[in-house]
Amino acid sequence: MTLETKYYADFNDIIGLELTCPACGTAVAHTLAKFSSAAYQCPNCRSQIIAQSQTDDETLSNFVNFLKLVQTLKTPARLRLQLKPLVSQTSAGQQ
């Protein structure tokens, strides 16, 4: 018999995004409501966390707006994201 654990996140459970600076490793959380391109600069070392190209800025902005929009849906269906299992759980099952 095989057991499988699946993880899901409801869109309404998503309250923000965390960005981690590639230069110093500082992680900064931003709520969806207050997310802006100001989040692209590390508050610790002032490095760029996200390259400020128009494509990257547009893509991330569209993603945040998509999350906000999905949270306003009035559909009776339950819409959730499926998440991949934690690494420790994946490797534990292969032993």
PDB file of N, CA and C in Angstrom:
ATOM      1  N   MET A   1       0.850  -1.173   0.000  1.00  0.00           N
ATOM      2  CA  MET A   1       0.000   0.000   0.000  1.00  0.00           C
ATOM      3  C   MET A   1       0.901   1.244   0.000  1.00  0.00           C
ATOM      4  N   THR A   2       0.512   2.215  -0.792  1.00  0.00           N
ATOM      5  CA  THR A   2       1.251   3.459  -0.874  1.00  0.00           C
ATOM      6  C   THR A   2       0.433   4.589  -0.255  1.00  0.00           C
ATOM      7  N   LEU A   3       1.077   5.338   0.624  1.00  0.00           N
ATOM      8  CA  LEU A   3       0.441   6.518   1.209  1.00  0.00           C
ATOM      9  C   LEU A   3       1.051   7.759   0.590  1.00  0.00           C
ATOM     10  N   GLU A   4       0.212   8.718   0.300  1.00  0.00           N
ATOM     11  CA  GLU A   4       0.689   9.951  -0.297  1.00  0.00           C
ATOM     12  C   GLU A   4       0.040  11.119   0.425  1.00  0.00           C
ATOM     13  N   THR A   5       0.856  12.058   0.839  1.00  0.00           N
ATOM     14  CA  THR A   5       0.340  13.270   1.481  1.00  0.00           C
ATOM     15  C   THR A   5       0.418  14.399   0.472  1.00  0.00           C
ATOM     16  N   LYS A   6      -0.665  15.121   0.338  1.00  0.00           N
ATOM     17  CA  LYS A   6      -0.702  16.262  -0.573  1.00  0.00           C
ATOM     18  C   LYS A   6      -0.950  17.521   0.234  1.00  0.00           C
ATOM     19  N   TYR A   7      -0.363  18.603  -0.210  1.00  0.00           N
ATOM     20  CA  TYR A   7      -0.498  19.890   0.459  1.00  0.00           C
ATOM     21  C   TYR A   7      -1.161  20.882  -0.485  1.00  0.00           C
ATOM     22  N   TYR A   8      -2.114  21.622   0.045  1.00  0.00           N
ATOM     23  CA  TYR A   8      -2.834  22.613  -0.742  1.00  0.00           C
ATOM     24  C   TYR A   8      -2.861  23.937   0.009  1.00  0.00           C
ATOM     25  N   ALA A   9      -2.902  25.022  -0.739  1.00  0.00           N
ATOM     26  CA  ALA A   9      -3.050  26.355  -0.160  1.00  0.00           C
ATOM     27  C   ALA A   9      -4.246  27.022  -0.823  1.00  0.00           C
ATOM     28  N   ASP A  10      -5.153  27.475  -0.011  1.00  0.00           N
ATOM     29  CA  ASP A  10      -6.305  28.222  -0.500  1.00  0.00           C
ATOM     30  C   ASP A  10      -5.843  29.629  -0.868  1.00  0.00           C
ATOM     31  N   PHE A  11      -6.331  30.172  -1.943  1.00  0.00           N
ATOM     32  CA  PHE A  11      -5.921  31.504  -2.368  1.00  0.00           C
ATOM     33  C   PHE A  11      -6.183  32.550  -1.278  1.00  0.00           C
ATOM     34  N   ASN A  12      -7.252  32.367  -0.517  1.00  0.00           N
ATOM     35  CA  ASN A  12      -7.559  33.317   0.547  1.00  0.00           C
ATOM     36  C   ASN A  12      -6.594  33.220   1.722  1.00  0.00           C
ATOM     37  N   ASP A  13      -5.798  32.157   1.770  1.00  0.00           N
ATOM     38  CA  ASP A  13      -4.788  32.019   2.813  1.00  0.00           C
ATOM     39  C   ASP A  13      -3.494  32.753   2.463  1.00  0.00           C
ATOM     40  N   ILE A  14      -3.366  33.181   1.221  1.00  0.00           N
ATOM     41  CA  ILE A  14      -2.151  33.877   0.800  1.00  0.00           C
ATOM     42  C   ILE A  14      -2.285  35.346   1.207  1.00  0.00           C
ATOM     43  N   ILE A  15      -1.425  35.766   2.119  1.00  0.00           N
ATOM     44  CA  ILE A  15      -1.517  37.143   2.613  1.00  0.00           C
ATOM     45  C   ILE A  15      -0.337  37.996   2.178  1.00  0.00           C
ATOM     46  N   GLY A  16       0.696  37.377   1.631  1.00  0.00           N
ATOM     47  CA  GLY A  16       1.843  38.160   1.216  1.00  0.00           C
ATOM     48  C   GLY A  16       2.881  37.308   0.515  1.00  0.00           C
ATOM     49  N   LEU A  17       3.974  37.967   0.179  1.00  0.00           N
ATOM     50  CA  LEU A  17       5.098  37.318  -0.486  1.00  0.00           C
ATOM     51  C   LEU A  17       6.363  37.587   0.308  1.00  0.00           C
ATOM     52  N   GLU A  18       7.261  36.627   0.302  1.00  0.00           N
ATOM     53  CA  GLU A  18       8.558  36.821   0.932  1.00  0.00           C
ATOM     54  C   GLU A  18       9.620  36.833  -0.152  1.00  0.00           C
ATOM     55  N   LEU A  19      10.472  37.827  -0.119  1.00  0.00           N
ATOM     56  CA  LEU A  19      11.586  37.938  -1.052  1.00  0.00           C
ATOM     57  C   LEU A  19      12.876  37.774  -0.267  1.00  0.00           C
ATOM     58  N   THR A  20      13.803  36.982  -0.791  1.00  0.00           N
ATOM     59  CA  THR A  20      15.090  36.773  -0.137  1.00  0.00           C
ATOM     60  C   THR A  20      16.192  37.378  -0.987  1.00  0.00           C
ATOM     61  N   CYS A  21      16.997  38.212  -0.371  1.00  0.00           N
ATOM     62  CA  CYS A  21      18.087  38.889  -1.072  1.00  0.00           C
ATOM     63  C   CYS A  21      19.155  37.875  -1.472  1.00  0.00           C
ATOM     64  N   PRO A  22      19.533  37.837  -2.753  1.00  0.00           N
ATOM     65  CA  PRO A  22      20.567  36.896  -3.183  1.00  0.00           C
ATOM     66  C   PRO A  22      21.959  37.301  -2.690  1.00  0.00           C
ATOM     67  N   ALA A  23      22.133  38.569  -2.318  1.00  0.00           N
ATOM     68  CA  ALA A  23      23.445  39.043  -1.886  1.00  0.00           C
ATOM     69  C   ALA A  23      23.724  38.733  -0.415  1.00  0.00           C
ATOM     70  N   CYS A  24      22.758  39.017   0.480  1.00  0.00           N
ATOM     71  CA  CYS A  24      23.029  38.846   1.912  1.00  0.00           C
ATOM     72  C   CYS A  24      22.126  37.834   2.597  1.00  0.00           C
ATOM     73  N   GLY A  25      21.088  37.345   1.900  1.00  0.00           N
ATOM     74  CA  GLY A  25      20.214  36.328   2.465  1.00  0.00           C
ATOM     75  C   GLY A  25      19.084  36.853   3.339  1.00  0.00           C
ATOM     76  N   THR A  26      18.957  38.167   3.457  1.00  0.00           N
ATOM     77  CA  THR A  26      17.873  38.738   4.248  1.00  0.00           C
ATOM     78  C   THR A  26      16.536  38.432   3.583  1.00  0.00           C
ATOM     79  N   ALA A  27      15.589  37.923   4.363  1.00  0.00           N
ATOM     80  CA  ALA A  27      14.247  37.628   3.858  1.00  0.00           C
ATOM     81  C   ALA A  27      13.302  38.718   4.354  1.00  0.00           C
ATOM     82  N   VAL A  28      12.531  39.262   3.435  1.00  0.00           N
ATOM     83  CA  VAL A  28      11.600  40.336   3.773  1.00  0.00           C
ATOM     84  C   VAL A  28      10.216  39.949   3.279  1.00  0.00           C
ATOM     85  N   ALA A  29       9.237  40.006   4.186  1.00  0.00           N
ATOM     86  CA  ALA A  29       7.855  39.679   3.845  1.00  0.00           C
ATOM     87  C   ALA A  29       7.087  40.960   3.548  1.00  0.00           C
ATOM     88  N   HIS A  30       6.259  40.904   2.521  1.00  0.00           N
ATOM     89  CA  HIS A  30       5.417  42.035   2.118  1.00  0.00           C
ATOM     90  C   HIS A  30       3.986  41.534   1.977  1.00  0.00           C
ATOM     91  N   THR A  31       3.034  42.264   2.517  1.00  0.00           N
ATOM     92  CA  THR A  31       1.632  41.887   2.327  1.00  0.00           C
ATOM     93  C   THR A  31       1.245  42.181   0.883  1.00  0.00           C
ATOM     94  N   LEU A  32       0.238  41.464   0.389  1.00  0.00           N
ATOM     95  CA  LEU A  32      -0.227  41.713  -0.975  1.00  0.00           C
ATOM     96  C   LEU A  32      -0.733  43.143  -1.114  1.00  0.00           C
ATOM     97  N   ALA A  33      -1.408  43.629  -0.081  1.00  0.00           N
ATOM     98  CA  ALA A  33      -1.992  44.971  -0.142  1.00  0.00           C
ATOM     99  C   ALA A  33      -0.935  46.060  -0.279  1.00  0.00           C
ATOM    100  N   LYS A  34       0.232  45.850   0.313  1.00  0.00           N
ATOM    101  CA  LYS A  34       1.269  46.888   0.308  1.00  0.00           C
ATOM    102  C   LYS A  34       2.441  46.572  -0.609  1.00  0.00           C
ATOM    103  N   PHE A  35       2.317  45.520  -1.415  1.00  0.00           N
ATOM    104  CA  PHE A  35       3.428  45.120  -2.277  1.00  0.00           C
ATOM    105  C   PHE A  35       3.630  46.158  -3.378  1.00  0.00           C
ATOM    106  N   SER A  36       4.870  46.560  -3.580  1.00  0.00           N
ATOM    107  CA  SER A  36       5.196  47.508  -4.655  1.00  0.00           C
ATOM    108  C   SER A  36       6.625  47.251  -5.114  1.00  0.00           C
ATOM    109  N   SER A  37       7.047  47.969  -6.124  1.00  0.00           N
ATOM    110  CA  SER A  37       8.403  47.778  -6.631  1.00  0.00           C
ATOM    111  C   SER A  37       9.450  48.216  -5.610  1.00  0.00           C
ATOM    112  N   ALA A  38       9.048  48.917  -4.541  1.00  0.00           N
ATOM    113  CA  ALA A  38       9.982  49.264  -3.475  1.00  0.00           C
ATOM    114  C   ALA A  38      10.513  48.008  -2.799  1.00  0.00           C
ATOM    115  N   ALA A  39       9.778  46.911  -2.912  1.00  0.00           N
ATOM    116  CA  ALA A  39      10.190  45.640  -2.310  1.00  0.00           C
ATOM    117  C   ALA A  39      11.384  45.041  -3.037  1.00  0.00           C
ATOM    118  N   TYR A  40      11.764  45.601  -4.153  1.00  0.00           N
ATOM    119  CA  TYR A  40      12.844  45.039  -4.958  1.00  0.00           C
ATOM    120  C   TYR A  40      14.227  45.342  -4.404  1.00  0.00           C
ATOM    121  N   GLN A  41      14.324  46.260  -3.439  1.00  0.00           N
ATOM    122  CA  GLN A  41      15.621  46.612  -2.865  1.00  0.00           C
ATOM    123  C   GLN A  41      15.726  46.066  -1.442  1.00  0.00           C
ATOM    124  N   CYS A  42      16.838  45.416  -1.150  1.00  0.00           N
ATOM    125  CA  CYS A  42      17.055  44.837   0.169  1.00  0.00           C
ATOM    126  C   CYS A  42      17.189  45.951   1.206  1.00  0.00           C
ATOM    127  N   PRO A  43      16.418  45.864   2.293  1.00  0.00           N
ATOM    128  CA  PRO A  43      16.529  46.880   3.333  1.00  0.00           C
ATOM    129  C   PRO A  43      17.822  46.752   4.150  1.00  0.00           C
ATOM    130  N   ASN A  44      18.489  45.610   4.036  1.00  0.00           N
ATOM    131  CA  ASN A  44      19.708  45.383   4.799  1.00  0.00           C
ATOM    132  C   ASN A  44      20.956  45.865   4.065  1.00  0.00           C
ATOM    133  N   CYS A  45      21.167  45.362   2.839  1.00  0.00           N
ATOM    134  CA  CYS A  45      22.404  45.688   2.110  1.00  0.00           C
ATOM    135  C   CYS A  45      22.174  46.604   0.912  1.00  0.00           C
ATOM    136  N   ARG A  46      20.914  46.916   0.635  1.00  0.00           N
ATOM    137  CA  ARG A  46      20.516  47.811  -0.462  1.00  0.00           C
ATOM    138  C   ARG A  46      20.766  47.233  -1.855  1.00  0.00           C
ATOM    139  N   SER A  47      21.042  45.934  -1.940  1.00  0.00           N
ATOM    140  CA  SER A  47      21.180  45.282  -3.246  1.00  0.00           C
ATOM    141  C   SER A  47      19.803  45.113  -3.865  1.00  0.00           C
ATOM    142  N   GLN A  48      19.790  44.922  -5.168  1.00  0.00           N
ATOM    143  CA  GLN A  48      18.540  44.653  -5.861  1.00  0.00           C
ATOM    144  C   GLN A  48      18.153  43.197  -5.622  1.00  0.00           C
ATOM    145  N   ILE A  49      16.956  42.972  -5.089  1.00  0.00           N
ATOM    146  CA  ILE A  49      16.471  41.608  -4.876  1.00  0.00           C
ATOM    147  C   ILE A  49      15.894  41.076  -6.186  1.00  0.00           C
ATOM    148  N   ILE A  50      15.154  41.919  -6.872  1.00  0.00           N
ATOM    149  CA  ILE A  50      14.568  41.591  -8.173  1.00  0.00           C
ATOM    150  C   ILE A  50      15.170  42.549  -9.184  1.00  0.00           C
ATOM    151  N   ALA A  51      15.660  42.003 -10.297  1.00  0.00           N
ATOM    152  CA  ALA A  51      16.182  42.867 -11.357  1.00  0.00           C
ATOM    153  C   ALA A  51      15.066  43.789 -11.819  1.00  0.00           C
ATOM    154  N   GLN A  52      15.361  45.050 -11.927  1.00  0.00           N
ATOM    155  CA  GLN A  52      14.312  46.002 -12.282  1.00  0.00           C
ATOM    156  C   GLN A  52      14.167  46.166 -13.790  1.00  0.00           C
ATOM    157  N   SER A  53      14.071  45.032 -14.473  1.00  0.00           N
ATOM    158  CA  SER A  53      13.759  45.100 -15.892  1.00  0.00           C
ATOM    159  C   SER A  53      12.247  45.245 -16.017  1.00  0.00           C
ATOM    160  N   GLN A  54      11.803  45.793 -17.114  1.00  0.00           N
ATOM    161  CA  GLN A  54      10.370  45.990 -17.299  1.00  0.00           C
ATOM    162  C   GLN A  54       9.632  44.661 -17.282  1.00  0.00           C
ATOM    163  N   THR A  55      10.228  43.629 -17.862  1.00  0.00           N
ATOM    164  CA  THR A  55       9.588  42.316 -17.911  1.00  0.00           C
ATOM    165  C   THR A  55       9.422  41.731 -16.508  1.00  0.00           C
ATOM    166  N   ASP A  56      10.485  41.761 -15.693  1.00  0.00           N
ATOM    167  CA  ASP A  56      10.405  41.229 -14.329  1.00  0.00           C
ATOM    168  C   ASP A  56       9.403  42.009 -13.497  1.00  0.00           C
ATOM    169  N   ASP A  57       9.453  43.316 -13.588  1.00  0.00           N
ATOM    170  CA  ASP A  57       8.547  44.169 -12.826  1.00  0.00           C
ATOM    171  C   ASP A  57       7.102  43.902 -13.218  1.00  0.00           C
ATOM    172  N   GLU A  58       6.852  43.821 -14.512  1.00  0.00           N
ATOM    173  CA  GLU A  58       5.495  43.557 -15.016  1.00  0.00           C
ATOM    174  C   GLU A  58       4.999  42.178 -14.591  1.00  0.00           C
ATOM    175  N   THR A  59       5.851  41.192 -14.702  1.00  0.00           N
ATOM    176  CA  THR A  59       5.467  39.828 -14.358  1.00  0.00           C
ATOM    177  C   THR A  59       5.126  39.705 -12.876  1.00  0.00           C
ATOM    178  N   LEU A  60       5.962  40.248 -12.015  1.00  0.00           N
ATOM    179  CA  LEU A  60       5.703  40.166 -10.579  1.00  0.00           C
ATOM    180  C   LEU A  60       4.471  40.985 -10.201  1.00  0.00           C
ATOM    181  N   SER A  61       4.320  42.135 -10.795  1.00  0.00           N
ATOM    182  CA  SER A  61       3.144  42.973 -10.541  1.00  0.00           C
ATOM    183  C   SER A  61       1.868  42.266 -11.000  1.00  0.00           C
ATOM    184  N   ASN A  62       1.915  41.638 -12.168  1.00  0.00           N
ATOM    185  CA  ASN A  62       0.763  40.882 -12.672  1.00  0.00           C
ATOM    186  C   ASN A  62       0.431  39.702 -11.751  1.00  0.00           C
ATOM    187  N   PHE A  63       1.455  39.046 -11.224  1.00  0.00           N
ATOM    188  CA  PHE A  63       1.244  37.921 -10.316  1.00  0.00           C
ATOM    189  C   PHE A  63       0.546  38.372  -9.032  1.00  0.00           C
ATOM    190  N   VAL A  64       1.018  39.463  -8.444  1.00  0.00           N
ATOM    191  CA  VAL A  64       0.399  39.998  -7.222  1.00  0.00           C
ATOM    192  C   VAL A  64      -1.041  40.414  -7.508  1.00  0.00           C
ATOM    193  N   ASN A  65      -1.265  41.090  -8.633  1.00  0.00           N
ATOM    194  CA  ASN A  65      -2.630  41.497  -8.994  1.00  0.00           C
ATOM    195  C   ASN A  65      -3.532  40.285  -9.243  1.00  0.00           C
ATOM    196  N   PHE A  66      -2.969  39.234  -9.833  1.00  0.00           N
ATOM    197  CA  PHE A  66      -3.723  37.992 -10.057  1.00  0.00           C
ATOM    198  C   PHE A  66      -4.161  37.389  -8.721  1.00  0.00           C
ATOM    199  N   LEU A  67      -3.247  37.319  -7.762  1.00  0.00           N
ATOM    200  CA  LEU A  67      -3.597  36.782  -6.443  1.00  0.00           C
ATOM    201  C   LEU A  67      -4.720  37.585  -5.800  1.00  0.00           C
ATOM    202  N   LYS A  68      -4.621  38.902  -5.879  1.00  0.00           N
ATOM    203  CA  LYS A  68      -5.667  39.760  -5.309  1.00  0.00           C
ATOM    204  C   LYS A  68      -7.000  39.517  -6.006  1.00  0.00           C
ATOM    205  N   LEU A  69      -6.977  39.395  -7.322  1.00  0.00           N
ATOM    206  CA  LEU A  69      -8.194  39.196  -8.099  1.00  0.00           C
ATOM    207  C   LEU A  69      -8.845  37.850  -7.795  1.00  0.00           C
ATOM    208  N   VAL A  70      -8.050  36.807  -7.728  1.00  0.00           N
ATOM    209  CA  VAL A  70      -8.589  35.473  -7.442  1.00  0.00           C
ATOM    210  C   VAL A  70      -9.261  35.452  -6.070  1.00  0.00           C
ATOM    211  N   GLN A  71      -8.723  36.208  -5.135  1.00  0.00           N
ATOM    212  CA  GLN A  71      -9.306  36.251  -3.792  1.00  0.00           C
ATOM    213  C   GLN A  71     -10.688  36.901  -3.769  1.00  0.00           C
ATOM    214  N   THR A  72     -11.047  37.606  -4.824  1.00  0.00           N
ATOM    215  CA  THR A  72     -12.362  38.255  -4.873  1.00  0.00           C
ATOM    216  C   THR A  72     -13.405  37.413  -5.610  1.00  0.00           C
ATOM    217  N   LEU A  73     -13.004  36.271  -6.169  1.00  0.00           N
ATOM    218  CA  LEU A  73     -13.953  35.423  -6.898  1.00  0.00           C
ATOM    219  C   LEU A  73     -15.104  34.992  -6.002  1.00  0.00           C
ATOM    220  N   LYS A  74     -16.283  34.963  -6.552  1.00  0.00           N
ATOM    221  CA  LYS A  74     -17.477  34.547  -5.803  1.00  0.00           C
ATOM    222  C   LYS A  74     -17.974  33.177  -6.257  1.00  0.00           C
ATOM    223  N   THR A  75     -17.106  32.392  -6.848  1.00  0.00           N
ATOM    224  CA  THR A  75     -17.479  31.070  -7.344  1.00  0.00           C
ATOM    225  C   THR A  75     -17.729  30.110  -6.179  1.00  0.00           C
ATOM    226  N   PRO A  76     -18.702  29.216  -6.314  1.00  0.00           N
ATOM    227  CA  PRO A  76     -18.930  28.241  -5.245  1.00  0.00           C
ATOM    228  C   PRO A  76     -17.841  27.161  -5.199  1.00  0.00           C
ATOM    229  N   ALA A  77     -17.073  27.037  -6.264  1.00  0.00           N
ATOM    230  CA  ALA A  77     -16.004  26.031  -6.291  1.00  0.00           C
ATOM    231  C   ALA A  77     -14.852  26.477  -5.393  1.00  0.00           C
ATOM    232  N   ARG A  78     -14.200  25.533  -4.799  1.00  0.00           N
ATOM    233  CA  ARG A  78     -13.036  25.822  -3.964  1.00  0.00           C
ATOM    234  C   ARG A  78     -11.794  25.736  -4.841  1.00  0.00           C
ATOM    235  N   LEU A  79     -11.056  26.801  -4.936  1.00  0.00           N
ATOM    236  CA  LEU A  79      -9.872  26.874  -5.792  1.00  0.00           C
ATOM    237  C   LEU A  79      -8.637  26.952  -4.900  1.00  0.00           C
ATOM    238  N   ARG A  80      -7.751  25.948  -5.042  1.00  0.00           N
ATOM    239  CA  ARG A  80      -6.554  25.889  -4.206  1.00  0.00           C
ATOM    240  C   ARG A  80      -5.335  25.571  -5.060  1.00  0.00           C
ATOM    241  N   LEU A  81      -4.176  25.921  -4.555  1.00  0.00           N
ATOM    242  CA  LEU A  81      -2.915  25.577  -5.188  1.00  0.00           C
ATOM    243  C   LEU A  81      -2.382  24.297  -4.569  1.00  0.00           C
ATOM    244  N   GLN A  82      -1.890  23.385  -5.388  1.00  0.00           N
ATOM    245  CA  GLN A  82      -1.247  22.197  -4.846  1.00  0.00           C
ATOM    246  C   GLN A  82       0.236  22.506  -4.702  1.00  0.00           C
ATOM    247  N   LEU A  83       0.786  22.197  -3.534  1.00  0.00           N
ATOM    248  CA  LEU A  83       2.187  22.466  -3.233  1.00  0.00           C
ATOM    249  C   LEU A  83       2.987  21.182  -3.280  1.00  0.00           C
ATOM    250  N   LYS A  84       4.246  21.291  -3.675  1.00  0.00           N
ATOM    251  CA  LYS A  84       5.080  20.089  -3.686  1.00  0.00           C
ATOM    252  C   LYS A  84       5.439  19.727  -2.256  1.00  0.00           C
ATOM    253  N   PRO A  85       5.695  18.439  -1.996  1.00  0.00           N
ATOM    254  CA  PRO A  85       6.017  18.007  -0.641  1.00  0.00           C
ATOM    255  C   PRO A  85       7.362  18.569  -0.194  1.00  0.00           C
ATOM    256  N   LEU A  86       7.553  18.624   1.114  1.00  0.00           N
ATOM    257  CA  LEU A  86       8.827  19.055   1.665  1.00  0.00           C
ATOM    258  C   LEU A  86       9.912  18.072   1.247  1.00  0.00           C
ATOM    259  N   VAL A  87      11.123  18.560   1.086  1.00  0.00           N
ATOM    260  CA  VAL A  87      12.233  17.714   0.636  1.00  0.00           C
ATOM    261  C   VAL A  87      12.429  16.546   1.582  1.00  0.00           C
ATOM    262  N   SER A  88      12.360  16.769   2.891  1.00  0.00           N
ATOM    263  CA  SER A  88      12.587  15.687   3.850  1.00  0.00           C
ATOM    264  C   SER A  88      11.540  14.594   3.719  1.00  0.00           C
ATOM    265  N   GLN A  89      10.307  14.966   3.370  1.00  0.00           N
ATOM    266  CA  GLN A  89       9.250  13.972   3.209  1.00  0.00           C
ATOM    267  C   GLN A  89       9.428  13.196   1.912  1.00  0.00           C
ATOM    268  N   THR A  90       9.928  13.851   0.885  1.00  0.00           N
ATOM    269  CA  THR A  90      10.160  13.184  -0.398  1.00  0.00           C
ATOM    270  C   THR A  90      11.278  12.165  -0.254  1.00  0.00           C
ATOM    271  N   SER A  91      12.405  12.565   0.351  1.00  0.00           N
ATOM    272  CA  SER A  91      13.530  11.644   0.475  1.00  0.00           C
ATOM    273  C   SER A  91      13.264  10.559   1.504  1.00  0.00           C
ATOM    274  N   ALA A  92      12.442  10.833   2.515  1.00  0.00           N
ATOM    275  CA  ALA A  92      12.108   9.836   3.522  1.00  0.00           C
ATOM    276  C   ALA A  92      11.323   8.702   2.901  1.00  0.00           C
ATOM    277  N   GLY A  93      10.486   9.006   1.926  1.00  0.00           N
ATOM    278  CA  GLY A  93       9.671   7.982   1.281  1.00  0.00           C
ATOM    279  C   GLY A  93      10.473   7.106   0.331  1.00  0.00           C
ATOM    280  N   GLN A  94      11.693   7.547  -0.037  1.00  0.00           N
ATOM    281  CA  GLN A  94      12.505   6.799  -0.986  1.00  0.00           C
ATOM    282  C   GLN A  94      13.494   5.875  -0.304  1.00  0.00           C
ATOM    283  N   GLN A  95      13.551   5.900   1.021  1.00  0.00           N
ATOM    284  CA  GLN A  95      14.527   5.077   1.735  1.00  0.00           C
ATOM    285  C   GLN A  95      14.103   3.641   1.810  1.00  0.00           C
TER     286      GLN A  95
END
